[in-house]
Each structure stands twice: as structure tokens, then as C-alpha cells.
Amino acid sequence: MYEDIKSGNQHDFYIQKISSEGEALWGEEGVLIGSAYKQCDSFHELHIVSDSSGGAVMTWSGYPSEPDWKQPPGQRPIEYLTHVTKVDSNGNAVWQREVRGVDHMISDEAGG
């Protein structure tokens, strides 16, 4: 999973599957799983776990649109969201959700 900074604070998030030989399996850039606005800080919110079937579940956090950075957190009209995406073994998005905060993830060995 990686981020691509498009312009300013706009970030796109991609996932890529790499073979045991080091080959990119989901195209040159991988699969776009989302976009968000982000301040210039650490991306410690990126998490990814295997679903034990060749796919993965990943999370990333950001703002859905450019917030007013002058406003303190909690007073901005749009708040920070954590996005959760499950992809299958071919890189197809199976489902996506938005939640409030994900600190840790572990695989349950049952597809999630």
C-alpha cells in the first residue's frame, strides 16, 4: 500500500500485490483505493492485513475534502475519517466503509 501526493494536500492511495519473484501483479501503479486530503504529517494510520485468500483488508485516514486548516480539530466542518477497504486476490474492491479511528488490525484467518 502506498500514497501518491497529487498536489498540495491531496493524496491518492494505492494497493499493489507483489509476487514471490518481485513482480507487480496488479498493473504498473497498482489499484487506486481512494483519495483524501491530509496535512503534512506522518501516515501512521496506514494498516494492511492479509485475508488469507490472496486479498487484503486495509485502512487509511484522511479528510474527504480540503478542510479549513485554521480551524482547530473538532471545529472543522468535515472531520477526519478512517477508510476500510477489502480487496480480493485480483485487486477488486469487495467492500469499503468509513469509520471513526482504527488503531490496530489483525487477520482473523477467516477472510477478514
PDB file of N, CA and C in Angstrom:
ATOM      1  N   MET A   1       0.854  -1.163   0.000  1.00  0.00           N
ATOM      2  CA  MET A   1       0.000   0.000   0.000  1.00  0.00           C
ATOM      3  C   MET A   1       0.897   1.221   0.000  1.00  0.00           C
ATOM      4  N   TYR A   2       0.537   2.197  -0.837  1.00  0.00           N
ATOM      5  CA  TYR A   2       1.332   3.416  -0.860  1.00  0.00           C
ATOM      6  C   TYR A   2       0.444   4.605  -1.185  1.00  0.00           C
ATOM      7  N   GLU A   3       0.968   5.796  -0.911  1.00  0.00           N
ATOM      8  CA  GLU A   3       0.263   7.029  -1.212  1.00  0.00           C
ATOM      9  C   GLU A   3       0.994   7.775  -2.311  1.00  0.00           C
ATOM     10  N   ASP A   4       0.234   8.506  -3.104  1.00  0.00           N
ATOM     11  CA  ASP A   4       0.775   9.339  -4.164  1.00  0.00           C
ATOM     12  C   ASP A   4       0.266  10.747  -3.917  1.00  0.00           C
ATOM     13  N   ILE A   5       1.177  11.686  -3.654  1.00  0.00           N
ATOM     14  CA  ILE A   5       0.781  13.072  -3.409  1.00  0.00           C
ATOM     15  C   ILE A   5       0.580  13.735  -4.768  1.00  0.00           C
ATOM     16  N   LYS A   6      -0.671  14.077  -5.060  1.00  0.00           N
ATOM     17  CA  LYS A   6      -1.020  14.644  -6.363  1.00  0.00           C
ATOM     18  C   LYS A   6      -0.687  16.132  -6.432  1.00  0.00           C
ATOM     19  N   SER A   7      -1.204  16.919  -5.514  1.00  0.00           N
ATOM     20  CA  SER A   7      -0.929  18.353  -5.454  1.00  0.00           C
ATOM     21  C   SER A   7      -1.331  18.850  -4.082  1.00  0.00           C
ATOM     22  N   GLY A   8      -0.526  19.713  -3.525  1.00  0.00           N
ATOM     23  CA  GLY A   8      -0.834  20.253  -2.213  1.00  0.00           C
ATOM     24  C   GLY A   8      -1.048  19.158  -1.192  1.00  0.00           C
ATOM     25  N   ASN A   9      -2.218  19.134  -0.594  1.00  0.00           N
ATOM     26  CA  ASN A   9      -2.549  18.153   0.437  1.00  0.00           C
ATOM     27  C   ASN A   9      -3.366  16.985  -0.095  1.00  0.00           C
ATOM     28  N   GLN A  10      -3.573  16.891  -1.413  1.00  0.00           N
ATOM     29  CA  GLN A  10      -4.358  15.793  -1.999  1.00  0.00           C
ATOM     30  C   GLN A  10      -3.488  14.548  -2.131  1.00  0.00           C
ATOM     31  N   HIS A  11      -3.956  13.443  -1.583  1.00  0.00           N
ATOM     32  CA  HIS A  11      -3.238  12.171  -1.630  1.00  0.00           C
ATOM     33  C   HIS A  11      -4.139  11.095  -2.228  1.00  0.00           C
ATOM     34  N   ASP A  12      -3.579  10.266  -3.104  1.00  0.00           N
ATOM     35  CA  ASP A  12      -4.272   9.081  -3.603  1.00  0.00           C
ATOM     36  C   ASP A  12      -3.624   7.867  -2.957  1.00  0.00           C
ATOM     37  N   PHE A  13      -4.432   6.849  -2.664  1.00  0.00           N
ATOM     38  CA  PHE A  13      -3.937   5.646  -2.006  1.00  0.00           C
ATOM     39  C   PHE A  13      -4.091   4.452  -2.941  1.00  0.00           C
ATOM     40  N   TYR A  14      -3.029   3.696  -3.088  1.00  0.00           N
ATOM     41  CA  TYR A  14      -2.990   2.538  -3.982  1.00  0.00           C
ATOM     42  C   TYR A  14      -2.569   1.298  -3.207  1.00  0.00           C
ATOM     43  N   ILE A  15      -2.985   0.154  -3.721  1.00  0.00           N
ATOM     44  CA  ILE A  15      -2.514  -1.123  -3.192  1.00  0.00           C
ATOM     45  C   ILE A  15      -1.906  -1.893  -4.364  1.00  0.00           C
ATOM     46  N   GLN A  16      -0.870  -2.646  -4.085  1.00  0.00           N
ATOM     47  CA  GLN A  16      -0.184  -3.423  -5.110  1.00  0.00           C
ATOM     48  C   GLN A  16       0.124  -4.800  -4.548  1.00  0.00           C
ATOM     49  N   LYS A  17      -0.060  -5.811  -5.352  1.00  0.00           N
ATOM     50  CA  LYS A  17       0.303  -7.177  -4.960  1.00  0.00           C
ATOM     51  C   LYS A  17       1.598  -7.531  -5.677  1.00  0.00           C
ATOM     52  N   ILE A  18       2.572  -8.018  -4.914  1.00  0.00           N
ATOM     53  CA  ILE A  18       3.889  -8.361  -5.439  1.00  0.00           C
ATOM     54  C   ILE A  18       4.057  -9.876  -5.367  1.00  0.00           C
ATOM     55  N   SER A  19       4.497 -10.477  -6.473  1.00  0.00           N
ATOM     56  CA  SER A  19       4.720 -11.930  -6.500  1.00  0.00           C
ATOM     57  C   SER A  19       5.978 -12.277  -5.711  1.00  0.00           C
ATOM     58  N   SER A  20       6.179 -13.567  -5.469  1.00  0.00           N
ATOM     59  CA  SER A  20       7.383 -14.013  -4.755  1.00  0.00           C
ATOM     60  C   SER A  20       8.642 -13.727  -5.571  1.00  0.00           C
ATOM     61  N   GLU A  21       8.482 -13.465  -6.876  1.00  0.00           N
ATOM     62  CA  GLU A  21       9.612 -13.106  -7.738  1.00  0.00           C
ATOM     63  C   GLU A  21       9.815 -11.596  -7.803  1.00  0.00           C
ATOM     64  N   GLY A  22       8.984 -10.834  -7.088  1.00  0.00           N
ATOM     65  CA  GLY A  22       9.117  -9.380  -7.065  1.00  0.00           C
ATOM     66  C   GLY A  22       8.394  -8.654  -8.180  1.00  0.00           C
ATOM     67  N   GLU A  23       7.492  -9.330  -8.886  1.00  0.00           N
ATOM     68  CA  GLU A  23       6.752  -8.709  -9.980  1.00  0.00           C
ATOM     69  C   GLU A  23       5.456  -8.085  -9.480  1.00  0.00           C
ATOM     70  N   ALA A  24       5.131  -6.893 -10.014  1.00  0.00           N
ATOM     71  CA  ALA A  24       3.865  -6.235  -9.703  1.00  0.00           C
ATOM     72  C   ALA A  24       2.744  -6.975 -10.425  1.00  0.00           C
ATOM     73  N   LEU A  25       1.763  -7.485  -9.676  1.00  0.00           N
ATOM     74  CA  LEU A  25       0.692  -8.306 -10.251  1.00  0.00           C
ATOM     75  C   LEU A  25      -0.565  -7.518 -10.615  1.00  0.00           C
ATOM     76  N   TRP A  26      -0.733  -6.309 -10.071  1.00  0.00           N
ATOM     77  CA  TRP A  26      -1.947  -5.542 -10.314  1.00  0.00           C
ATOM     78  C   TRP A  26      -1.663  -4.287 -11.138  1.00  0.00           C
ATOM     79  N   GLY A  27      -0.914  -4.442 -12.231  1.00  0.00           N
ATOM     80  CA  GLY A  27      -0.589  -3.316 -13.097  1.00  0.00           C
ATOM     81  C   GLY A  27       0.601  -2.527 -12.578  1.00  0.00           C
ATOM     82  N   GLU A  28       1.048  -1.582 -13.385  1.00  0.00           N
ATOM     83  CA  GLU A  28       2.238  -0.808 -13.046  1.00  0.00           C
ATOM     84  C   GLU A  28       2.055   0.023 -11.776  1.00  0.00           C
ATOM     85  N   GLU A  29       0.886   0.663 -11.626  1.00  0.00           N
ATOM     86  CA  GLU A  29       0.645   1.521 -10.469  1.00  0.00           C
ATOM     87  C   GLU A  29      -0.104   0.819  -9.344  1.00  0.00           C
ATOM     88  N   GLY A  30      -0.657  -0.339  -9.596  1.00  0.00           N
ATOM     89  CA  GLY A  30      -1.497  -0.984  -8.603  1.00  0.00           C
ATOM     90  C   GLY A  30      -2.940  -0.554  -8.772  1.00  0.00           C
ATOM     91  N   VAL A  31      -3.731  -0.685  -7.726  1.00  0.00           N
ATOM     92  CA  VAL A  31      -5.159  -0.387  -7.756  1.00  0.00           C
ATOM     93  C   VAL A  31      -5.436   0.822  -6.867  1.00  0.00           C
ATOM     94  N   LEU A  32      -6.063   1.855  -7.435  1.00  0.00           N
ATOM     95  CA  LEU A  32      -6.454   3.031  -6.667  1.00  0.00           C
ATOM     96  C   LEU A  32      -7.589   2.642  -5.728  1.00  0.00           C
ATOM     97  N   ILE A  33      -7.405   2.877  -4.428  1.00  0.00           N
ATOM     98  CA  ILE A  33      -8.465   2.533  -3.479  1.00  0.00           C
ATOM     99  C   ILE A  33      -9.112   3.751  -2.852  1.00  0.00           C
ATOM    100  N   GLY A  34      -8.570   4.952  -3.085  1.00  0.00           N
ATOM    101  CA  GLY A  34      -9.212   6.139  -2.555  1.00  0.00           C
ATOM    102  C   GLY A  34      -8.344   7.371  -2.627  1.00  0.00           C
ATOM    103  N   SER A  35      -8.966   8.516  -2.311  1.00  0.00           N
ATOM    104  CA  SER A  35      -8.293   9.814  -2.288  1.00  0.00           C
ATOM    105  C   SER A  35      -8.754  10.570  -1.061  1.00  0.00           C
ATOM    106  N   ALA A  36      -7.880  11.438  -0.552  1.00  0.00           N
ATOM    107  CA  ALA A  36      -8.239  12.251   0.607  1.00  0.00           C
ATOM    108  C   ALA A  36      -7.290  13.431   0.704  1.00  0.00           C
ATOM    109  N   TYR A  37      -7.648  14.367   1.555  1.00  0.00           N
ATOM    110  CA  TYR A  37      -6.770  15.482   1.879  1.00  0.00           C
ATOM    111  C   TYR A  37      -6.113  15.187   3.208  1.00  0.00           C
ATOM    112  N   LYS A  38      -4.869  15.566   3.326  1.00  0.00           N
ATOM    113  CA  LYS A  38      -4.094  15.217   4.516  1.00  0.00           C
ATOM    114  C   LYS A  38      -3.125  16.339   4.803  1.00  0.00           C
ATOM    115  N   GLN A  39      -2.947  16.660   6.079  1.00  0.00           N
ATOM    116  CA  GLN A  39      -1.903  17.594   6.454  1.00  0.00           C
ATOM    117  C   GLN A  39      -0.554  16.924   6.255  1.00  0.00           C
ATOM    118  N   CYS A  40       0.482  17.701   6.213  1.00  0.00           N
ATOM    119  CA  CYS A  40       1.831  17.155   6.026  1.00  0.00           C
ATOM    120  C   CYS A  40       2.330  16.569   7.336  1.00  0.00           C
ATOM    121  N   ASP A  41       1.872  15.397   7.670  1.00  0.00           N
ATOM    122  CA  ASP A  41       2.341  14.720   8.876  1.00  0.00           C
ATOM    123  C   ASP A  41       2.513  13.241   8.575  1.00  0.00           C
ATOM    124  N   SER A  42       2.831  12.482   9.565  1.00  0.00           N
ATOM    125  CA  SER A  42       3.104  11.055   9.415  1.00  0.00           C
ATOM    126  C   SER A  42       1.846  10.293   9.012  1.00  0.00           C
ATOM    127  N   PHE A  43       2.026   9.273   8.179  1.00  0.00           N
ATOM    128  CA  PHE A  43       0.920   8.407   7.793  1.00  0.00           C
ATOM    129  C   PHE A  43       0.932   7.137   8.627  1.00  0.00           C
ATOM    130  N   HIS A  44       0.946   7.287   9.937  1.00  0.00           N
ATOM    131  CA  HIS A  44       0.935   6.113  10.806  1.00  0.00           C
ATOM    132  C   HIS A  44      -0.406   5.398  10.774  1.00  0.00           C
ATOM    133  N   GLU A  45      -1.405   5.995  10.134  1.00  0.00           N
ATOM    134  CA  GLU A  45      -2.735   5.397  10.076  1.00  0.00           C
ATOM    135  C   GLU A  45      -2.865   4.319   9.012  1.00  0.00           C
ATOM    136  N   LEU A  46      -1.857   4.106   8.174  1.00  0.00           N
ATOM    137  CA  LEU A  46      -1.927   3.076   7.139  1.00  0.00           C
ATOM    138  C   LEU A  46      -1.765   1.692   7.759  1.00  0.00           C
ATOM    139  N   HIS A  47      -2.733   0.820   7.515  1.00  0.00           N
ATOM    140  CA  HIS A  47      -2.666  -0.557   8.016  1.00  0.00           C
ATOM    141  C   HIS A  47      -3.104  -1.499   6.901  1.00  0.00           C
ATOM    142  N   ILE A  48      -2.518  -2.680   6.850  1.00  0.00           N
ATOM    143  CA  ILE A  48      -2.932  -3.687   5.875  1.00  0.00           C
ATOM    144  C   ILE A  48      -2.709  -5.067   6.476  1.00  0.00           C
ATOM    145  N   VAL A  49      -3.692  -5.954   6.277  1.00  0.00           N
ATOM    146  CA  VAL A  49      -3.565  -7.345   6.721  1.00  0.00           C
ATOM    147  C   VAL A  49      -4.072  -8.260   5.612  1.00  0.00           C
ATOM    148  N   SER A  50      -3.511  -9.453   5.553  1.00  0.00           N
ATOM    149  CA  SER A  50      -3.937 -10.457   4.584  1.00  0.00           C
ATOM    150  C   SER A  50      -5.299 -11.012   4.978  1.00  0.00           C
ATOM    151  N   ASP A  51      -6.102 -11.379   3.972  1.00  0.00           N
ATOM    152  CA  ASP A  51      -7.371 -12.044   4.265  1.00  0.00           C
ATOM    153  C   ASP A  51      -7.244 -13.561   4.145  1.00  0.00           C
ATOM    154  N   SER A  52      -6.033 -14.065   4.002  1.00  0.00           N
ATOM    155  CA  SER A  52      -5.715 -15.497   3.897  1.00  0.00           C
ATOM    156  C   SER A  52      -6.208 -16.138   2.602  1.00  0.00           C
ATOM    157  N   SER A  53      -6.715 -15.332   1.653  1.00  0.00           N
ATOM    158  CA  SER A  53      -7.193 -15.847   0.367  1.00  0.00           C
ATOM    159  C   SER A  53      -6.546 -15.120  -0.802  1.00  0.00           C
ATOM    160  N   GLY A  54      -5.433 -14.448  -0.558  1.00  0.00           N
ATOM    161  CA  GLY A  54      -4.750 -13.703  -1.605  1.00  0.00           C
ATOM    162  C   GLY A  54      -5.165 -12.255  -1.714  1.00  0.00           C
ATOM    163  N   GLY A  55      -6.155 -11.852  -0.938  1.00  0.00           N
ATOM    164  CA  GLY A  55      -6.602 -10.464  -0.905  1.00  0.00           C
ATOM    165  C   GLY A  55      -6.118  -9.795   0.368  1.00  0.00           C
ATOM    166  N   ALA A  56      -6.708  -8.651   0.691  1.00  0.00           N
ATOM    167  CA  ALA A  56      -6.274  -7.916   1.873  1.00  0.00           C
ATOM    168  C   ALA A  56      -7.373  -6.991   2.366  1.00  0.00           C
ATOM    169  N   VAL A  57      -7.240  -6.580   3.618  1.00  0.00           N
ATOM    170  CA  VAL A  57      -8.069  -5.538   4.210  1.00  0.00           C
ATOM    171  C   VAL A  57      -7.109  -4.435   4.620  1.00  0.00           C
ATOM    172  N   MET A  58      -7.413  -3.192   4.210  1.00  0.00           N
ATOM    173  CA  MET A  58      -6.523  -2.097   4.552  1.00  0.00           C
ATOM    174  C   MET A  58      -7.297  -0.900   5.058  1.00  0.00           C
ATOM    175  N   THR A  59      -6.629  -0.072   5.859  1.00  0.00           N
ATOM    176  CA  THR A  59      -7.224   1.167   6.344  1.00  0.00           C
ATOM    177  C   THR A  59      -6.272   2.315   6.060  1.00  0.00           C
ATOM    178  N   TRP A  60      -6.837   3.477   5.861  1.00  0.00           N
ATOM    179  CA  TRP A  60      -6.088   4.722   5.735  1.00  0.00           C
ATOM    180  C   TRP A  60      -6.989   5.844   6.203  1.00  0.00           C
ATOM    181  N   SER A  61      -6.396   6.929   6.656  1.00  0.00           N
ATOM    182  CA  SER A  61      -7.181   8.023   7.219  1.00  0.00           C
ATOM    183  C   SER A  61      -6.904   9.325   6.489  1.00  0.00           C
ATOM    184  N   GLY A  62      -7.919  10.178   6.427  1.00  0.00           N
ATOM    185  CA  GLY A  62      -7.767  11.485   5.801  1.00  0.00           C
ATOM    186  C   GLY A  62      -9.076  12.247   5.827  1.00  0.00           C
ATOM    187  N   TYR A  63      -9.051  13.441   5.278  1.00  0.00           N
ATOM    188  CA  TYR A  63     -10.242  14.277   5.171  1.00  0.00           C
ATOM    189  C   TYR A  63     -10.886  14.047   3.805  1.00  0.00           C
ATOM    190  N   PRO A  64     -12.224  13.944   3.721  1.00  0.00           N
ATOM    191  CA  PRO A  64     -12.874  13.722   2.432  1.00  0.00           C
ATOM    192  C   PRO A  64     -12.772  14.919   1.488  1.00  0.00           C
ATOM    193  N   SER A  65     -12.585  16.125   2.027  1.00  0.00           N
ATOM    194  CA  SER A  65     -12.372  17.315   1.200  1.00  0.00           C
ATOM    195  C   SER A  65     -11.445  18.257   1.960  1.00  0.00           C
ATOM    196  N   GLU A  66     -10.950  19.255   1.291  1.00  0.00           N
ATOM    197  CA  GLU A  66      -9.981  20.175   1.890  1.00  0.00           C
ATOM    198  C   GLU A  66     -10.636  20.938   3.040  1.00  0.00           C
ATOM    199  N   PRO A  67     -10.198  20.703   4.284  1.00  0.00           N
ATOM    200  CA  PRO A  67     -10.776  21.418   5.415  1.00  0.00           C
ATOM    201  C   PRO A  67     -10.155  22.799   5.581  1.00  0.00           C
ATOM    202  N   ASP A  68     -10.752  23.607   6.418  1.00  0.00           N
ATOM    203  CA  ASP A  68     -10.183  24.898   6.791  1.00  0.00           C
ATOM    204  C   ASP A  68      -9.151  24.634   7.878  1.00  0.00           C
ATOM    205  N   TRP A  69      -7.872  24.604   7.498  1.00  0.00           N
ATOM    206  CA  TRP A  69      -6.809  24.224   8.433  1.00  0.00           C
ATOM    207  C   TRP A  69      -6.652  25.220   9.575  1.00  0.00           C
ATOM    208  N   LYS A  70      -7.226  26.437   9.435  1.00  0.00           N
ATOM    209  CA  LYS A  70      -7.109  27.434  10.504  1.00  0.00           C
ATOM    210  C   LYS A  70      -8.014  27.103  11.683  1.00  0.00           C
ATOM    211  N   GLN A  71      -9.056  26.319  11.429  1.00  0.00           N
ATOM    212  CA  GLN A  71      -9.971  25.912  12.497  1.00  0.00           C
ATOM    213  C   GLN A  71      -9.338  24.790  13.318  1.00  0.00           C
ATOM    214  N   PRO A  72      -9.510  24.801  14.642  1.00  0.00           N
ATOM    215  CA  PRO A  72      -8.961  23.704  15.448  1.00  0.00           C
ATOM    216  C   PRO A  72      -9.713  22.401  15.189  1.00  0.00           C
ATOM    217  N   PRO A  73      -9.034  21.247  15.376  1.00  0.00           N
ATOM    218  CA  PRO A  73      -9.725  19.960  15.229  1.00  0.00           C
ATOM    219  C   PRO A  73     -10.989  19.929  16.083  1.00  0.00           C
ATOM    220  N   GLY A  74     -12.025  19.321  15.575  1.00  0.00           N
ATOM    221  CA  GLY A  74     -13.300  19.257  16.278  1.00  0.00           C
ATOM    222  C   GLY A  74     -14.228  20.391  15.904  1.00  0.00           C
ATOM    223  N   GLN A  75     -13.664  21.479  15.344  1.00  0.00           N
ATOM    224  CA  GLN A  75     -14.484  22.610  14.918  1.00  0.00           C
ATOM    225  C   GLN A  75     -14.506  22.763  13.402  1.00  0.00           C
ATOM    226  N   ARG A  76     -13.783  21.903  12.714  1.00  0.00           N
ATOM    227  CA  ARG A  76     -13.810  21.929  11.256  1.00  0.00           C
ATOM    228  C   ARG A  76     -15.114  21.295  10.787  1.00  0.00           C
ATOM    229  N   PRO A  77     -15.722  21.826   9.720  1.00  0.00           N
ATOM    230  CA  PRO A  77     -16.995  21.270   9.267  1.00  0.00           C
ATOM    231  C   PRO A  77     -16.908  19.814   8.827  1.00  0.00           C
ATOM    232  N   ILE A  78     -15.764  19.380   8.320  1.00  0.00           N
ATOM    233  CA  ILE A  78     -15.596  17.991   7.901  1.00  0.00           C
ATOM    234  C   ILE A  78     -14.475  17.394   8.725  1.00  0.00           C
ATOM    235  N   GLU A  79     -14.735  16.316   9.394  1.00  0.00           N
ATOM    236  CA  GLU A  79     -13.722  15.709  10.257  1.00  0.00           C
ATOM    237  C   GLU A  79     -13.045  14.520   9.598  1.00  0.00           C
ATOM    238  N   TYR A  80     -11.955  14.147  10.186  1.00  0.00           N
ATOM    239  CA  TYR A  80     -11.090  13.052   9.790  1.00  0.00           C
ATOM    240  C   TYR A  80     -11.851  11.722   9.780  1.00  0.00           C
ATOM    241  N   LEU A  81     -11.694  10.926   8.724  1.00  0.00           N
ATOM    242  CA  LEU A  81     -12.336   9.620   8.628  1.00  0.00           C
ATOM    243  C   LEU A  81     -11.295   8.540   8.376  1.00  0.00           C
ATOM    244  N   THR A  82     -11.547   7.340   8.885  1.00  0.00           N
ATOM    245  CA  THR A  82     -10.723   6.185   8.551  1.00  0.00           C
ATOM    246  C   THR A  82     -11.505   5.358   7.538  1.00  0.00           C
ATOM    247  N   HIS A  83     -10.857   5.043   6.431  1.00  0.00           N
ATOM    248  CA  HIS A  83     -11.462   4.275   5.346  1.00  0.00           C
ATOM    249  C   HIS A  83     -10.958   2.840   5.426  1.00  0.00           C
ATOM    250  N   VAL A  84     -11.869   1.893   5.323  1.00  0.00           N
ATOM    251  CA  VAL A  84     -11.520   0.472   5.357  1.00  0.00           C
ATOM    252  C   VAL A  84     -11.939  -0.123   4.016  1.00  0.00           C
ATOM    253  N   THR A  85     -11.015  -0.809   3.350  1.00  0.00           N
ATOM    254  CA  THR A  85     -11.285  -1.413   2.046  1.00  0.00           C
ATOM    255  C   THR A  85     -10.827  -2.860   2.047  1.00  0.00           C
ATOM    256  N   LYS A  86     -11.670  -3.741   1.524  1.00  0.00           N
ATOM    257  CA  LYS A  86     -11.281  -5.141   1.326  1.00  0.00           C
ATOM    258  C   LYS A  86     -11.166  -5.367  -0.172  1.00  0.00           C
ATOM    259  N   VAL A  87     -10.021  -5.937  -0.598  1.00  0.00           N
ATOM    260  CA  VAL A  87      -9.830  -6.301  -2.000  1.00  0.00           C
ATOM    261  C   VAL A  87      -9.647  -7.804  -2.100  1.00  0.00           C
ATOM    262  N   ASP A  88     -10.089  -8.370  -3.235  1.00  0.00           N
ATOM    263  CA  ASP A  88      -9.914  -9.808  -3.445  1.00  0.00           C
ATOM    264  C   ASP A  88      -8.537 -10.092  -4.040  1.00  0.00           C
ATOM    265  N   SER A  89      -8.274 -11.327  -4.377  1.00  0.00           N
ATOM    266  CA  SER A  89      -6.953 -11.733  -4.864  1.00  0.00           C
ATOM    267  C   SER A  89      -6.600 -11.134  -6.225  1.00  0.00           C
ATOM    268  N   ASN A  90      -7.589 -10.562  -6.924  1.00  0.00           N
ATOM    269  CA  ASN A  90      -7.338  -9.911  -8.211  1.00  0.00           C
ATOM    270  C   ASN A  90      -7.259  -8.393  -8.099  1.00  0.00           C
ATOM    271  N   GLY A  91      -7.374  -7.865  -6.879  1.00  0.00           N
ATOM    272  CA  GLY A  91      -7.301  -6.424  -6.673  1.00  0.00           C
ATOM    273  C   GLY A  91      -8.621  -5.704  -6.825  1.00  0.00           C
ATOM    274  N   ASN A  92      -9.730  -6.449  -6.904  1.00  0.00           N
ATOM    275  CA  ASN A  92     -11.055  -5.834  -6.998  1.00  0.00           C
ATOM    276  C   ASN A  92     -11.550  -5.460  -5.613  1.00  0.00           C
ATOM    277  N   ALA A  93     -12.092  -4.254  -5.487  1.00  0.00           N
ATOM    278  CA  ALA A  93     -12.665  -3.844  -4.208  1.00  0.00           C
ATOM    279  C   ALA A  93     -13.926  -4.660  -3.944  1.00  0.00           C
ATOM    280  N   VAL A  94     -13.959  -5.364  -2.820  1.00  0.00           N
ATOM    281  CA  VAL A  94     -15.114  -6.172  -2.422  1.00  0.00           C
ATOM    282  C   VAL A  94     -16.094  -5.302  -1.647  1.00  0.00           C
ATOM    283  N   TRP A  95     -15.568  -4.490  -0.735  1.00  0.00           N
ATOM    284  CA  TRP A  95     -16.384  -3.532   0.004  1.00  0.00           C
ATOM    285  C   TRP A  95     -15.504  -2.428   0.564  1.00  0.00           C
ATOM    286  N   GLN A  96     -16.144  -1.289   0.885  1.00  0.00           N
ATOM    287  CA  GLN A  96     -15.472  -0.156   1.511  1.00  0.00           C
ATOM    288  C   GLN A  96     -16.384   0.420   2.580  1.00  0.00           C
ATOM    289  N   ARG A  97     -15.776   0.882   3.668  1.00  0.00           N
ATOM    290  CA  ARG A  97     -16.522   1.502   4.769  1.00  0.00           C
ATOM    291  C   ARG A  97     -15.743   2.711   5.278  1.00  0.00           C
ATOM    292  N   GLU A  98     -16.447   3.634   5.926  1.00  0.00           N
ATOM    293  CA  GLU A  98     -15.815   4.741   6.633  1.00  0.00           C
ATOM    294  C   GLU A  98     -16.147   4.592   8.108  1.00  0.00           C
ATOM    295  N   VAL A  99     -15.133   4.700   8.953  1.00  0.00           N
ATOM    296  CA  VAL A  99     -15.312   4.556  10.396  1.00  0.00           C
ATOM    297  C   VAL A  99     -14.531   5.655  11.099  1.00  0.00           C
ATOM    298  N   ARG A 100     -14.716   5.766  12.388  1.00  0.00           N
ATOM    299  CA  ARG A 100     -14.004   6.754  13.204  1.00  0.00           C
ATOM    300  C   ARG A 100     -12.870   6.082  13.952  1.00  0.00           C
ATOM    301  N   GLY A 101     -11.699   6.011  13.334  1.00  0.00           N
ATOM    302  CA  GLY A 101     -10.490   5.566  14.013  1.00  0.00           C
ATOM    303  C   GLY A 101     -10.267   4.070  14.036  1.00  0.00           C
ATOM    304  N   VAL A 102      -9.092   3.657  13.596  1.00  0.00           N
ATOM    305  CA  VAL A 102      -8.638   2.273  13.674  1.00  0.00           C
ATOM    306  C   VAL A 102      -7.206   2.327  14.173  1.00  0.00           C
ATOM    307  N   ASP A 103      -6.965   1.828  15.372  1.00  0.00           N
ATOM    308  CA  ASP A 103      -5.621   1.860  15.939  1.00  0.00           C
ATOM    309  C   ASP A 103      -4.803   0.637  15.562  1.00  0.00           C
ATOM    310  N   HIS A 104      -5.442  -0.526  15.493  1.00  0.00           N
ATOM    311  CA  HIS A 104      -4.731  -1.771  15.214  1.00  0.00           C
ATOM    312  C   HIS A 104      -5.613  -2.691  14.382  1.00  0.00           C
ATOM    313  N   MET A 105      -4.971  -3.566  13.602  1.00  0.00           N
ATOM    314  CA  MET A 105      -5.698  -4.568  12.828  1.00  0.00           C
ATOM    315  C   MET A 105      -4.962  -5.885  12.924  1.00  0.00           C
ATOM    316  N   ILE A 106      -5.713  -6.981  12.961  1.00  0.00           N
ATOM    317  CA  ILE A 106      -5.133  -8.321  12.879  1.00  0.00           C
ATOM    318  C   ILE A 106      -6.023  -9.161  11.975  1.00  0.00           C
ATOM    319  N   SER A 107      -5.441 -10.131  11.315  1.00  0.00           N
ATOM    320  CA  SER A 107      -6.213 -11.034  10.477  1.00  0.00           C
ATOM    321  C   SER A 107      -6.924 -12.048  11.364  1.00  0.00           C
ATOM    322  N   ASP A 108      -8.172 -12.389  11.012  1.00  0.00           N
ATOM    323  CA  ASP A 108      -8.890 -13.410  11.779  1.00  0.00           C
ATOM    324  C   ASP A 108      -8.771 -14.787  11.125  1.00  0.00           C
ATOM    325  N   GLU A 109      -7.977 -14.881  10.033  1.00  0.00           N
ATOM    326  CA  GLU A 109      -7.755 -16.137   9.312  1.00  0.00           C
ATOM    327  C   GLU A 109      -9.043 -16.711   8.724  1.00  0.00           C
ATOM    328  N   ALA A 110     -10.110 -15.887   8.657  1.00  0.00           N
ATOM    329  CA  ALA A 110     -11.385 -16.340   8.098  1.00  0.00           C
ATOM    330  C   ALA A 110     -11.880 -15.364   7.028  1.00  0.00           C
ATOM    331  N   GLY A 111     -10.941 -14.716   6.346  1.00  0.00           N
ATOM    332  CA  GLY A 111     -11.316 -13.799   5.279  1.00  0.00           C
ATOM    333  C   GLY A 111     -11.495 -12.362   5.696  1.00  0.00           C
ATOM    334  N   GLY A 112     -11.168 -12.028   6.932  1.00  0.00           N
ATOM    335  CA  GLY A 112     -11.323 -10.643   7.398  1.00  0.00           C
ATOM    336  C   GLY A 112     -10.200 -10.219   8.267  1.00  0.00           C
TER     337      GLY A 112
END
